[in-house]
Protein backbone atom coordinates (compact mmCIF):
# COMPACT_ATOMS: atom_id res chain seq x y z
CA UNK A 1 -46.68 9.44 -8.81
CA UNK A 2 -47.13 13.58 -7.69
CA UNK A 3 -44.07 14.87 -5.97
CA UNK A 4 -45.89 15.04 -2.43
CA UNK A 5 -46.98 11.10 -2.89
CA UNK A 6 -43.21 10.33 -3.01
CA UNK A 7 -41.17 8.96 0.04
CA UNK A 8 -39.27 10.90 1.92
CA UNK A 9 -35.80 11.30 0.95
CA UNK A 10 -32.51 12.32 2.53
CA UNK A 11 -30.12 14.36 0.19
CA UNK A 12 -26.17 14.52 1.32
CA UNK A 13 -25.42 17.73 -0.55
CA UNK A 14 -22.92 16.08 -3.08
CA UNK A 15 -21.15 14.17 -0.12
CA UNK A 16 -18.07 15.96 0.05
CA UNK A 17 -18.00 19.22 2.32
CA UNK A 18 -15.81 21.10 -0.30
CA UNK A 19 -16.19 19.18 -3.43
CA UNK A 20 -13.63 21.15 -5.13
CA UNK A 21 -10.76 19.64 -2.36
CA UNK A 22 -12.46 16.46 -1.86
CA UNK A 23 -12.36 14.93 -5.45
CA UNK A 24 -8.64 15.81 -5.85
CA UNK A 25 -7.70 14.65 -2.91
CA UNK A 26 -9.54 11.69 -2.80
CA UNK A 27 -8.37 10.85 -6.33
CA UNK A 28 -4.52 11.38 -5.04
CA UNK A 29 -5.20 8.82 -2.24
CA UNK A 30 -6.66 6.25 -4.90
CA UNK A 31 -3.29 6.98 -7.01
CA UNK A 32 -0.92 6.27 -4.20
CA UNK A 33 -3.01 3.07 -3.30
CA UNK A 34 -2.50 1.72 -7.27
CA UNK A 35 1.19 2.68 -7.24
CA UNK A 36 2.19 0.76 -4.11
CA UNK A 37 -0.29 -2.04 -3.40
CA UNK A 38 -0.83 -3.53 -0.25
CA UNK A 39 0.06 0.05 1.38
CA UNK A 40 -2.85 1.44 3.40
CA UNK A 41 -3.66 4.52 2.55
CA UNK A 42 -5.87 6.86 4.53
CA UNK A 43 -8.63 9.07 2.61
CA UNK A 44 -8.97 12.13 4.82
CA UNK A 45 -12.26 13.23 3.77
CA UNK A 46 -15.15 12.18 5.05
CA UNK A 47 -18.24 12.47 2.73
CA UNK A 48 -21.90 12.61 3.73
CA UNK A 49 -23.13 9.30 2.73
CA UNK A 50 -25.76 6.50 3.95
CA UNK A 51 -24.19 4.67 6.72
CA UNK A 52 -23.78 1.56 4.75
CA UNK A 53 -21.09 2.69 3.16
CA UNK A 54 -17.87 3.22 4.73
CA UNK A 55 -16.04 6.47 4.23
CA UNK A 56 -13.49 5.31 1.97
CA UNK A 57 -15.90 3.72 -0.32
CA UNK A 58 -18.21 6.95 -0.50
CA UNK A 59 -15.38 9.10 -1.16
CA UNK A 60 -14.14 6.73 -3.88
CA UNK A 61 -17.62 6.51 -5.28
CA UNK A 62 -18.00 10.58 -5.23
CA UNK A 63 -14.61 11.06 -7.05
CA UNK A 64 -14.81 8.05 -9.54
CA UNK A 65 -18.43 7.66 -10.68
CA UNK A 66 -20.27 9.72 -13.18
CA UNK A 67 -23.52 9.54 -15.51
CA UNK A 68 -21.67 7.45 -17.67
CA UNK A 69 -20.60 4.46 -15.01
CA UNK A 70 -23.19 1.81 -14.85
CA UNK A 71 -22.56 0.68 -11.00
CA UNK A 72 -23.65 -2.86 -9.43
CA UNK A 73 -23.98 -3.48 -5.70
CA UNK A 74 -24.92 -6.18 -3.67
CA UNK A 75 -27.32 -3.81 -1.42
CA UNK A 76 -31.01 -4.24 -1.59
CA UNK A 77 -32.79 -2.05 -3.89
CA UNK A 78 -34.84 -0.29 -1.04
CA UNK A 79 -31.39 0.85 0.56
CA UNK A 80 -30.41 4.63 0.75
CA UNK A 81 -27.60 4.15 -0.74
CA UNK A 82 -29.13 3.10 -3.94
CA UNK A 83 -30.52 6.64 -4.09
CA UNK A 84 -27.44 8.16 -3.40
CA UNK A 85 -25.42 6.40 -5.81
CA UNK A 86 -28.22 7.51 -8.30
CA UNK A 87 -28.54 11.04 -7.58
CA UNK A 88 -25.38 12.10 -5.63
CA UNK A 89 -22.95 10.21 -7.57
CA UNK A 90 -24.86 10.60 -10.74
CA UNK A 91 -24.58 6.89 -11.53
CA UNK A 92 -27.29 4.29 -12.93
CA UNK A 93 -27.40 1.20 -11.02
CA UNK A 94 -27.66 -2.16 -12.90
CA UNK A 95 -29.06 -5.29 -11.93
CA UNK A 96 -26.55 -7.48 -12.97
CA UNK A 97 -22.69 -7.36 -12.25
CA UNK A 98 -21.43 -8.29 -15.64
CA UNK A 99 -23.29 -4.77 -16.80
CA UNK A 100 -21.04 -3.15 -14.60
CA UNK A 101 -18.17 -0.81 -14.81
CA UNK A 102 -17.96 -0.39 -11.11
CA UNK A 103 -19.07 -2.38 -8.45
CA UNK A 104 -19.40 -2.03 -4.48
CA UNK A 105 -19.23 -5.07 -1.96
CA UNK A 106 -20.42 -4.60 1.29
CA UNK A 107 -20.59 -8.36 2.15
CA UNK A 108 -17.28 -9.95 0.49
CA UNK A 109 -18.35 -13.52 1.77
CA UNK A 110 -21.24 -13.87 -0.39
CA UNK A 111 -19.92 -11.80 -3.54
CA UNK A 112 -20.18 -12.90 -7.13
CA UNK A 113 -17.56 -14.63 -8.54
CA UNK A 114 -14.56 -12.05 -10.14
CA UNK A 115 -15.04 -13.81 -13.66
CA UNK A 116 -18.77 -12.51 -13.53
CA UNK A 117 -17.48 -8.90 -13.75
CA UNK A 118 -16.21 -7.29 -16.80
CA UNK A 119 -12.46 -8.30 -17.54
CA UNK A 120 -10.69 -5.96 -19.52
CA UNK A 121 -11.31 -6.63 -23.23
CA UNK A 122 -8.47 -6.01 -25.49
CA UNK A 123 -10.04 -3.34 -27.49
CA UNK A 124 -11.31 -1.50 -24.38
CA UNK A 125 -9.16 -1.80 -21.24
CA UNK A 126 -11.03 1.23 -19.44
CA UNK A 127 -14.40 -0.70 -19.43
CA UNK A 128 -13.29 -3.39 -17.03
CA UNK A 129 -14.83 -3.40 -13.68
CA UNK A 130 -13.75 -1.48 -10.50
CA UNK A 131 -14.40 -3.22 -7.67
CA UNK A 132 -14.38 -1.69 -4.17
CA UNK A 133 -14.89 -4.39 -1.53
CA UNK A 134 -15.57 -3.27 2.38
CA UNK A 135 -14.15 -5.64 4.67
CA UNK A 136 -14.81 -5.77 8.44
CA UNK A 137 -10.70 -4.77 9.76
CA UNK A 138 -7.44 -4.79 8.33
CA UNK A 139 -4.92 -6.38 10.63
CA UNK A 140 -1.07 -5.92 9.67
CA UNK A 141 -0.46 -9.54 10.56
CA UNK A 142 0.58 -12.74 8.52
CA UNK A 143 -2.40 -14.52 9.40
CA UNK A 144 -3.63 -15.50 5.69
CA UNK A 145 -1.44 -17.23 3.83
CA UNK A 146 -3.64 -16.58 0.49
CA UNK A 147 -3.56 -12.43 0.68
CA UNK A 148 -0.11 -12.08 1.06
CA UNK A 149 0.57 -13.68 -2.36
CA UNK A 150 -1.05 -10.82 -4.05
CA UNK A 151 0.09 -8.11 -2.04
CA UNK A 152 3.23 -6.35 -2.12
CA UNK A 153 5.96 -8.88 -0.92
CA UNK A 154 6.84 -6.88 2.04
CA UNK A 155 3.18 -6.43 3.10
CA UNK A 156 1.49 -9.24 5.49
CA UNK A 157 -2.11 -8.32 5.92
CA UNK A 158 -5.48 -9.82 6.76
CA UNK A 159 -8.51 -8.78 5.40
CA UNK A 160 -11.53 -9.68 7.64
CA UNK A 161 -14.39 -10.85 5.84
CA UNK A 162 -12.59 -11.73 2.78
CA UNK A 163 -13.25 -15.74 1.79
CA UNK A 164 -10.41 -18.05 0.69
CA UNK A 165 -12.27 -18.37 -2.59
CA UNK A 166 -11.90 -15.29 -3.36
CA UNK A 167 -8.08 -15.51 -3.36
CA UNK A 168 -8.46 -18.63 -6.00
CA UNK A 169 -10.35 -16.46 -8.43
CA UNK A 170 -7.83 -13.86 -8.38
CA UNK A 171 -5.36 -16.60 -8.95
CA UNK A 172 -7.12 -17.89 -11.74
CA UNK A 173 -7.80 -14.43 -13.52
CA UNK A 174 -3.81 -13.74 -13.05
CA UNK A 175 -3.61 -16.17 -16.10
CA UNK A 176 -5.29 -13.15 -18.14
CA UNK A 177 -2.69 -10.87 -17.16
CA UNK A 178 -2.23 -7.73 -18.05
CA UNK A 179 -6.51 -8.21 -18.28
CA UNK A 180 -8.60 -8.54 -15.18
CA UNK A 181 -10.33 -6.37 -12.82
CA UNK A 182 -9.29 -3.59 -10.66
CA UNK A 183 -9.86 -4.51 -7.09
CA UNK A 184 -9.72 -1.81 -3.80
CA UNK A 185 -10.25 -2.82 -0.10
CA UNK A 186 -12.02 -0.28 2.21
CA UNK A 187 -12.10 -0.36 5.55
CA UNK A 188 -13.27 2.91 7.76
CA UNK A 189 -10.99 5.79 6.35
CA UNK A 190 -8.40 3.00 4.93
CA UNK A 191 -8.16 1.89 1.31
CA UNK A 192 -5.88 -0.57 -0.13
CA UNK A 193 -5.36 -1.84 -3.75
CA UNK A 194 -4.84 -5.42 -5.17
CA UNK A 195 -2.12 -5.47 -7.75
CA UNK A 196 -2.74 -7.66 -11.00
CA UNK A 197 -0.18 -10.12 -10.93
CA UNK A 198 1.74 -11.76 -13.88
CA UNK A 199 1.16 -15.63 -13.34
CA UNK A 200 3.85 -17.89 -14.57
CA UNK A 201 2.47 -20.28 -16.73
CA UNK A 202 5.71 -22.22 -17.75
């Protein structure tokens, strides 16, 4: 195909207005979320990205992804975000969730089972899948008895769009503690980390 025959594609200028500041600031926000599971952390960077990705998800992608990070997403292959992940984040987009070190879920109600992703292998704990799940809303009220189990015990949140089967799957994975997958929920510019828990097997 000649370059002139290729479909017009939009470029996002590497996402961050100031990449020298954007990535370090976002990394600090990610680390803060991991230190305090269930705490709402605001990512103040608003990178240029396809509309299907909220600003928190886009900032995380720009900060954590590189050419050595295979990515799986539930987005259609023709979605502009696929091109953005490949060129602006420099990542390869894989076709199977088990091949991914990083996953982006835009429709949590139909996401694959958690055990279809890479669970920490003992030899290579850094190879487990980090999963970013976009939710419709985050409500600071105790209306979901499942999610409250897996967040900080002082935090009670309802993550809109996350089905109960997800929490059941997370509970099953907790039997593999400290192995598992890493989960982040995002909504607009807000990030929440889900902590691995040690399941009492007695």
